Structures are given as C-alpha cells and as structure tokens.
N, C-alpha and C. Protein backbone atom coordinates (compact mmCIF):
# COMPACT_ATOMS: atom_id res chain seq x y z
N MET A 1 3.59 2.43 -22.41
CA MET A 1 1.90 2.23 -22.68
C MET A 1 1.61 1.34 -21.45
N PRO A 2 0.12 1.93 -21.39
CA PRO A 2 -0.67 1.54 -20.18
C PRO A 2 -1.35 -0.02 -20.34
N VAL A 3 -1.65 -0.45 -19.36
CA VAL A 3 -2.07 -2.06 -19.63
C VAL A 3 -3.57 -1.83 -19.21
N TYR A 4 -4.48 -2.28 -20.18
CA TYR A 4 -5.99 -2.28 -19.90
C TYR A 4 -6.35 -3.43 -19.82
N GLU A 5 -7.66 -3.66 -19.13
CA GLU A 5 -8.44 -5.02 -19.23
C GLU A 5 -9.58 -5.07 -20.20
N TYR A 6 -9.50 -6.18 -20.69
CA TYR A 6 -10.76 -6.39 -21.68
C TYR A 6 -11.46 -7.68 -21.07
N LEU A 7 -12.58 -7.71 -21.70
CA LEU A 7 -13.57 -8.91 -21.30
C LEU A 7 -14.12 -9.85 -22.40
N CYS A 8 -13.79 -11.09 -22.65
CA CYS A 8 -13.92 -11.57 -23.90
C CYS A 8 -15.44 -12.44 -23.49
N GLU A 9 -16.63 -12.35 -24.07
CA GLU A 9 -17.92 -13.02 -23.53
C GLU A 9 -17.49 -14.78 -23.31
N ALA A 10 -16.54 -15.23 -23.97
CA ALA A 10 -16.57 -16.75 -24.47
C ALA A 10 -15.17 -17.05 -23.49
N CYS A 11 -14.30 -16.40 -23.27
CA CYS A 11 -12.98 -16.73 -22.72
C CYS A 11 -13.01 -16.34 -21.46
N GLY A 12 -13.44 -15.23 -21.07
CA GLY A 12 -13.21 -14.40 -19.84
C GLY A 12 -12.15 -13.05 -19.95
N ASP A 13 -11.81 -12.76 -18.82
CA ASP A 13 -10.95 -11.07 -18.79
C ASP A 13 -9.73 -11.36 -19.41
N PHE A 14 -8.90 -10.69 -19.63
CA PHE A 14 -7.50 -10.39 -20.13
C PHE A 14 -6.84 -9.05 -20.15
N THR A 15 -5.67 -8.85 -20.01
CA THR A 15 -5.21 -7.55 -19.83
C THR A 15 -4.21 -7.46 -21.36
N ALA A 16 -4.31 -6.22 -21.82
CA ALA A 16 -3.46 -6.13 -23.05
C ALA A 16 -2.66 -4.58 -22.62
N MET A 17 -1.43 -4.34 -23.35
CA MET A 17 -1.04 -3.41 -23.26
C MET A 17 -1.30 -2.31 -24.50
N ARG A 18 -1.77 -1.35 -24.42
CA ARG A 18 -2.00 -0.51 -25.52
C ARG A 18 -1.77 0.68 -25.68
N PRO A 19 -1.43 1.44 -26.76
CA PRO A 19 -1.06 2.92 -26.87
C PRO A 19 -2.33 3.77 -26.13
N MET A 20 -2.18 4.79 -25.47
CA MET A 20 -3.27 5.68 -24.84
C MET A 20 -4.31 6.05 -25.95
N SER A 21 -4.04 6.52 -27.16
CA SER A 21 -4.68 6.91 -28.24
C SER A 21 -5.98 5.71 -28.40
N GLU A 22 -5.74 4.28 -27.93
CA GLU A 22 -6.46 3.41 -28.67
C GLU A 22 -7.00 2.82 -27.40
N TYR A 23 -7.30 3.29 -26.43
CA TYR A 23 -7.90 2.90 -24.96
C TYR A 23 -8.96 2.34 -25.08
N ASN A 24 -9.98 3.11 -25.84
CA ASN A 24 -11.43 2.64 -26.09
C ASN A 24 -12.01 1.55 -27.21
N GLU A 25 -10.86 1.45 -27.92
CA GLU A 25 -10.99 0.42 -28.75
C GLU A 25 -10.94 -0.88 -28.38
N PRO A 26 -11.94 -1.86 -29.12
CA PRO A 26 -12.02 -3.24 -28.56
C PRO A 26 -10.54 -3.81 -29.05
N GLN A 27 -10.26 -5.07 -27.97
CA GLN A 27 -8.89 -5.49 -28.67
C GLN A 27 -9.16 -7.28 -28.83
N PRO A 28 -8.54 -7.86 -29.79
CA PRO A 28 -8.76 -9.34 -29.97
C PRO A 28 -8.34 -10.04 -28.87
N CYS A 29 -9.35 -10.88 -28.41
CA CYS A 29 -8.99 -11.96 -27.49
C CYS A 29 -7.80 -12.89 -27.80
N PRO A 30 -7.04 -13.04 -27.04
CA PRO A 30 -5.56 -14.01 -27.42
C PRO A 30 -5.90 -15.45 -27.53
N ASP A 31 -7.02 -15.79 -27.09
CA ASP A 31 -7.51 -17.27 -27.04
C ASP A 31 -8.31 -17.54 -28.52
N CYS A 32 -9.51 -16.86 -28.41
CA CYS A 32 -10.33 -17.04 -29.60
C CYS A 32 -10.20 -16.11 -31.00
N GLY A 33 -9.84 -14.61 -30.55
CA GLY A 33 -9.54 -13.80 -31.48
C GLY A 33 -10.79 -12.83 -31.66
N ALA A 34 -11.99 -13.33 -30.91
CA ALA A 34 -13.12 -12.31 -30.87
C ALA A 34 -12.81 -10.69 -30.39
N ALA A 35 -13.60 -9.76 -30.72
CA ALA A 35 -13.21 -8.52 -30.25
C ALA A 35 -13.96 -8.19 -28.83
N ALA A 36 -13.19 -8.06 -28.00
CA ALA A 36 -13.25 -7.91 -26.61
C ALA A 36 -13.40 -6.39 -26.25
N PRO A 37 -14.68 -5.97 -25.59
CA PRO A 37 -14.68 -4.38 -24.94
C PRO A 37 -13.86 -4.44 -23.94
N ARG A 38 -13.14 -3.00 -24.05
CA ARG A 38 -12.39 -2.61 -22.60
C ARG A 38 -13.33 -2.61 -21.18
N VAL A 39 -13.01 -3.05 -20.22
CA VAL A 39 -13.66 -3.06 -18.84
C VAL A 39 -12.78 -2.70 -17.87
N LEU A 40 -13.55 -2.15 -16.71
CA LEU A 40 -12.58 -1.94 -15.54
C LEU A 40 -12.96 -2.91 -14.45
N LEU A 41 -12.10 -4.07 -14.26
CA LEU A 41 -12.49 -4.78 -13.30
C LEU A 41 -11.71 -4.69 -12.01
N THR A 42 -10.76 -4.00 -11.85
CA THR A 42 -10.19 -3.82 -10.86
C THR A 42 -9.83 -2.22 -10.56
N ALA A 43 -10.06 -1.71 -9.07
CA ALA A 43 -9.68 -0.43 -9.02
C ALA A 43 -8.24 0.16 -9.04
N PRO A 44 -7.90 1.27 -9.17
CA PRO A 44 -6.85 1.51 -9.24
C PRO A 44 -5.93 1.35 -7.83
N ARG A 45 -4.87 1.27 -7.73
CA ARG A 45 -4.03 1.09 -6.47
C ARG A 45 -3.17 2.15 -6.00
N ALA A 46 -4.28 2.98 -5.96
CA ALA A 46 -3.60 4.41 -5.41
C ALA A 46 -3.28 4.40 -3.96
N SER A 47 -4.12 3.92 -3.09
CA SER A 47 -3.98 3.83 -1.67
C SER A 47 -3.58 2.34 -1.15
N GLY A 48 -2.92 1.38 -1.81
CA GLY A 48 -2.78 0.06 -1.62
C GLY A 48 -1.40 0.00 -0.82
N MET A 49 -0.85 1.08 -0.22
CA MET A 49 0.09 1.05 0.54
C MET A 49 0.09 1.33 2.11
N SER A 50 1.07 0.98 2.80
CA SER A 50 0.74 1.07 4.38
C SER A 50 1.14 2.40 4.56
N ARG A 51 0.44 2.86 5.73
CA ARG A 51 0.46 4.10 6.15
C ARG A 51 1.71 4.78 6.43
N SER A 52 2.86 4.08 6.59
CA SER A 52 3.89 4.52 7.18
C SER A 52 4.85 4.72 5.88
N ARG A 53 4.48 3.87 4.86
CA ARG A 53 5.22 4.23 3.40
C ARG A 53 4.61 5.61 2.71
N PHE A 54 3.27 5.62 2.94
CA PHE A 54 2.58 6.75 2.55
C PHE A 54 3.29 8.08 2.76
N GLU A 55 3.31 7.88 4.39
CA GLU A 55 3.81 9.45 4.77
C GLU A 55 5.49 9.47 4.59
N ALA A 56 6.10 8.53 4.16
CA ALA A 56 7.49 8.67 3.96
C ALA A 56 7.55 9.35 2.24
N TYR A 57 6.41 8.75 1.72
CA TYR A 57 6.45 9.48 0.14
C TYR A 57 5.88 10.78 0.20
N ALA A 58 5.09 11.06 1.19
CA ALA A 58 4.57 12.36 1.37
C ALA A 58 5.55 13.32 1.84
N VAL A 59 6.54 13.02 2.87
CA VAL A 59 7.50 13.80 3.36
C VAL A 59 8.76 14.03 2.30
N ASN A 60 8.91 13.12 1.24
CA ASN A 60 9.95 13.28 0.27
C ASN A 60 9.55 14.20 -0.70
N GLU A 61 7.85 14.13 -1.13
CA GLU A 61 7.48 14.62 -1.99
C GLU A 61 7.40 16.16 -1.74
N ARG A 62 7.17 16.68 -0.17
CA ARG A 62 7.21 17.94 0.17
C ARG A 62 8.51 18.46 0.23
N ALA A 63 9.43 17.56 0.63
CA ALA A 63 10.83 18.09 0.94
C ALA A 63 11.56 18.54 -0.57
N SER A 64 11.14 17.77 -1.78
CA SER A 64 11.44 18.20 -2.84
C SER A 64 10.97 19.70 -3.52
N HIS A 65 10.17 20.27 -3.09
CA HIS A 65 9.72 21.37 -3.53
C HIS A 65 9.63 22.44 -2.58
N ALA A 66 9.55 21.93 -1.51
CA ALA A 66 9.05 23.06 -0.14
C ALA A 66 9.53 22.22 1.11
N PRO A 67 11.07 22.61 1.37
CA PRO A 67 11.55 22.01 2.67
C PRO A 67 11.19 22.77 3.74
N MET A 68 10.95 22.24 5.09
CA MET A 68 10.61 22.65 6.27
C MET A 68 11.50 23.86 6.52
N THR A 69 10.83 24.89 6.87
CA THR A 69 11.74 26.01 7.69
C THR A 69 12.15 25.52 9.07
N SER A 70 13.14 26.28 9.69
CA SER A 70 14.11 25.89 10.68
C SER A 70 12.90 25.70 11.89
N GLY A 71 12.00 26.96 12.18
CA GLY A 71 10.94 26.72 12.93
C GLY A 71 10.11 25.44 12.72
N GLU A 72 9.72 25.04 11.62
CA GLU A 72 8.69 23.86 11.52
C GLU A 72 9.44 22.86 12.30
N TYR A 73 10.96 22.76 11.76
CA TYR A 73 11.78 21.47 12.19
C TYR A 73 11.80 21.51 13.45
N LYS A 74 12.20 22.80 14.50
CA LYS A 74 12.08 22.82 15.71
C LYS A 74 11.11 22.04 16.30
N ALA A 75 9.82 22.71 15.75
CA ALA A 75 8.33 22.30 16.34
C ALA A 75 8.21 20.75 16.37
N LYS A 76 8.54 20.44 15.17
CA LYS A 76 8.52 18.72 14.62
C LYS A 76 9.34 18.07 15.82
N GLN A 77 10.62 18.59 16.09
CA GLN A 77 11.47 17.73 16.92
C GLN A 77 11.14 17.73 18.57
N THR A 78 10.54 19.13 19.00
CA THR A 78 9.93 19.09 20.16
C THR A 78 8.84 18.30 20.44
N GLU A 79 7.90 18.24 18.99
CA GLU A 79 6.70 17.40 19.31
C GLU A 79 7.09 15.85 19.35
N ARG A 80 8.35 15.43 18.97
CA ARG A 80 8.69 13.89 18.80
C ARG A 80 9.06 13.76 20.22
N GLN A 81 9.91 14.52 20.68
CA GLN A 81 10.38 14.46 22.19
C GLN A 81 9.61 14.33 23.09
N THR A 82 8.49 15.06 23.17
CA THR A 82 7.31 15.09 24.12
C THR A 82 6.52 14.12 24.11
N ALA A 83 6.38 13.36 22.92
CA ALA A 83 5.59 12.00 22.34
C ALA A 83 6.26 10.90 22.82
N LYS A 84 7.33 10.76 22.81
CA LYS A 84 8.33 9.51 22.92
C LYS A 84 8.66 9.59 24.47
N HIS A 85 9.14 10.84 24.98
CA HIS A 85 9.61 10.52 26.63
C HIS A 85 8.68 11.26 27.45
N GLY A 86 8.79 10.59 28.71
CA GLY A 86 7.95 11.46 29.34
C GLY A 86 8.64 12.53 30.20
N ALA A 87 7.85 12.95 31.25
CA ALA A 87 8.97 13.97 32.21
C ALA A 87 9.82 13.34 32.91
N GLY A 88 11.01 14.03 33.40
CA GLY A 88 12.19 13.76 33.92
C GLY A 88 13.10 12.40 32.89
N CYS A 89 12.90 12.56 31.83
CA CYS A 89 13.49 11.50 30.96
C CYS A 89 15.13 11.87 30.99
N LYS A 90 16.02 11.10 30.98
CA LYS A 90 17.55 11.36 31.33
C LYS A 90 17.92 11.88 30.12
N CYS A 91 17.73 11.43 28.91
CA CYS A 91 18.25 11.78 27.34
C CYS A 91 17.90 13.01 27.26
N CYS A 92 16.21 13.69 27.69
CA CYS A 92 16.07 14.83 27.02
C CYS A 92 16.08 15.72 28.14
N SER A 93 16.34 15.79 29.35
CA SER A 93 16.57 16.64 30.33
C SER A 93 17.75 17.46 30.24
N THR A 94 17.77 18.40 31.11
CA THR A 94 18.74 19.39 31.05
C THR A 94 19.90 18.80 31.78
N GLY A 95 19.86 17.80 32.84
CA GLY A 95 20.65 17.17 33.25
C GLY A 95 21.23 15.93 33.04
N GLY A 96 20.67 15.53 31.84
CA GLY A 96 21.31 14.22 31.45
C GLY A 96 22.49 14.21 30.88
N ALA A 97 23.02 12.75 30.57
CA ALA A 97 24.38 12.55 30.15
C ALA A 97 24.48 12.65 28.73
N SER A 98 23.24 12.95 28.21
CA SER A 98 23.66 13.34 26.35
C SER A 98 23.81 14.84 26.58
N ARG A 99 23.17 15.72 27.31
CA ARG A 99 23.25 17.08 27.24
C ARG A 99 24.65 17.49 28.07
N SER A 100 25.27 16.83 28.83
CA SER A 100 26.84 16.95 29.08
C SER A 100 27.62 16.96 28.42
N GLY A 101 27.69 16.14 27.15
CA GLY A 101 28.70 15.56 26.51
C GLY A 101 28.96 14.16 26.85
N LYS A 102 28.74 13.85 28.05
CA LYS A 102 29.30 12.40 28.38
C LYS A 102 28.03 11.56 27.98
N ARG A 103 28.59 10.36 27.47
CA ARG A 103 27.44 9.37 27.19
C ARG A 103 27.88 8.27 27.82
N PRO A 104 26.78 7.55 28.35
CA PRO A 104 26.88 6.13 28.97
C PRO A 104 27.91 5.46 28.37
N MET A 105 28.82 4.66 29.13
CA MET A 105 29.68 3.63 28.55
C MET A 105 29.90 2.55 29.46
N LEU A 106 29.53 1.30 28.69
CA LEU A 106 29.78 -0.30 29.72
C LEU A 106 31.26 -0.82 28.83
N THR A 107 31.79 -1.22 29.96
CA THR A 107 33.18 -1.65 29.44
C THR A 107 33.17 -3.46 29.83
N THR A 108 33.43 -4.37 29.13
CA THR A 108 33.31 -5.75 29.40
C THR A 108 34.60 -6.08 30.07
N PRO A 109 34.92 -7.34 30.56
CA PRO A 109 36.10 -7.74 31.43
C PRO A 109 37.20 -7.69 30.35
N GLN A 110 36.74 -8.21 28.98
CA GLN A 110 38.01 -8.12 28.15
C GLN A 110 38.28 -6.64 27.90
N GLY A 111 37.84 -5.56 28.26
CA GLY A 111 38.24 -4.15 27.70
C GLY A 111 37.37 -3.49 26.80
N ALA A 112 36.26 -4.29 26.18
CA ALA A 112 35.69 -3.78 24.82
C ALA A 112 34.64 -2.82 25.27
N LYS A 113 34.43 -1.86 24.72
CA LYS A 113 33.73 -0.67 25.02
C LYS A 113 32.39 -0.81 24.42
N SER A 114 31.08 -0.44 24.84
CA SER A 114 29.94 -0.07 24.01
C SER A 114 29.36 0.78 24.66
N PHE A 115 28.38 1.28 24.02
CA PHE A 115 27.71 2.44 24.30
C PHE A 115 26.11 2.34 24.18
N PRO A 116 25.31 1.88 25.18
CA PRO A 116 24.38 1.17 25.01
C PRO A 116 23.06 2.01 24.44
N THR A 117 23.40 3.32 24.60
CA THR A 117 22.14 3.94 23.99
C THR A 117 22.51 4.70 22.47
N ALA A 118 23.41 4.38 22.03
CA ALA A 118 23.87 5.01 20.77
C ALA A 118 24.24 3.72 19.77
N ARG A 119 23.33 3.69 18.52
CA ARG A 119 23.57 2.74 17.65
C ARG A 119 23.83 1.42 17.87
N PRO A 120 23.01 0.43 18.61
CA PRO A 120 23.52 -0.63 18.96
C PRO A 120 23.75 -1.87 17.83
N TRP A 121 23.59 -1.51 16.75
CA TRP A 121 24.19 -2.18 15.56
C TRP A 121 25.66 -2.13 15.29
N MET A 122 26.31 -1.02 15.95
CA MET A 122 27.66 -0.89 15.33
C MET A 122 28.69 -1.44 16.68
N ILE A 123 29.73 -2.23 15.61
CA ILE A 123 30.73 -2.60 16.89
C ILE A 123 31.65 -1.30 17.14
N SER A 124 31.91 -1.53 18.76
CA SER A 124 33.07 -0.65 18.87
C SER A 124 34.24 -0.84 18.26
N HIS A 125 35.30 -0.03 18.77
CA HIS A 125 36.76 -0.23 18.07
C HIS A 125 37.19 -0.36 19.59
C-alpha cells in the first residue's frame, strides 16, 4: 500500500498508508480525529540519486532487455581508453608490457612479489 500525505487544519501534516482505491478520501487525524484532506507536500524522489548511481541503474536496466552488441562494446572500450590514457600510454600501446603478456613485477627483499598495476588490494602468494 502506498503512503499518502494529509493535512489537518488543527494538528498539521501527517502520513498514512492507504489502499490506492481510497487515495482521494480524507483520513482521520491520528491526534484529534478530524477528517484531513489529502495533500501533496513533497515532490516524488524520482531524481534524488547521484549521477553515477543513476547511470548504473540505467546500464542494468538496458542490459536486462537489450544487451550491447559486440560493436557497441568495442566502441565503448575504445572510447574509455582514449579518454583515460594519453598518447604513448604504456598499458594501451602495442609495445607495452600488458600487450606482450609480461606484467611488471616488484620483489621485496624478503622475496614477496607484487604487481603494481594489477589489483592493488590483493595479497600475492
């Protein structure tokens, strides 16, 4: 059941959960019992979320019924790479370490390995 807003002249505004079939009927005030008409005090929160969350919802909504074609996916990946990295970027260029299959690796004096470009939150074996 939806929640509707009502305004009592004596007590002020309040909300009540009512069936949709009774949306336009007055509701008794919980304090004084007088019939209070329904009012619209606040706007719906349709756009009350951040832009990044809205885009994530839009992607999920689109993916559920119309997934990207391979051409659209490749175009989007190319767009992201050119927007993120400048010309001569080692990770995206053809001569870079990531293209040749070798990843940069650091070794500590104790012998622990770390890969600075890949998943910094993971602990190496």
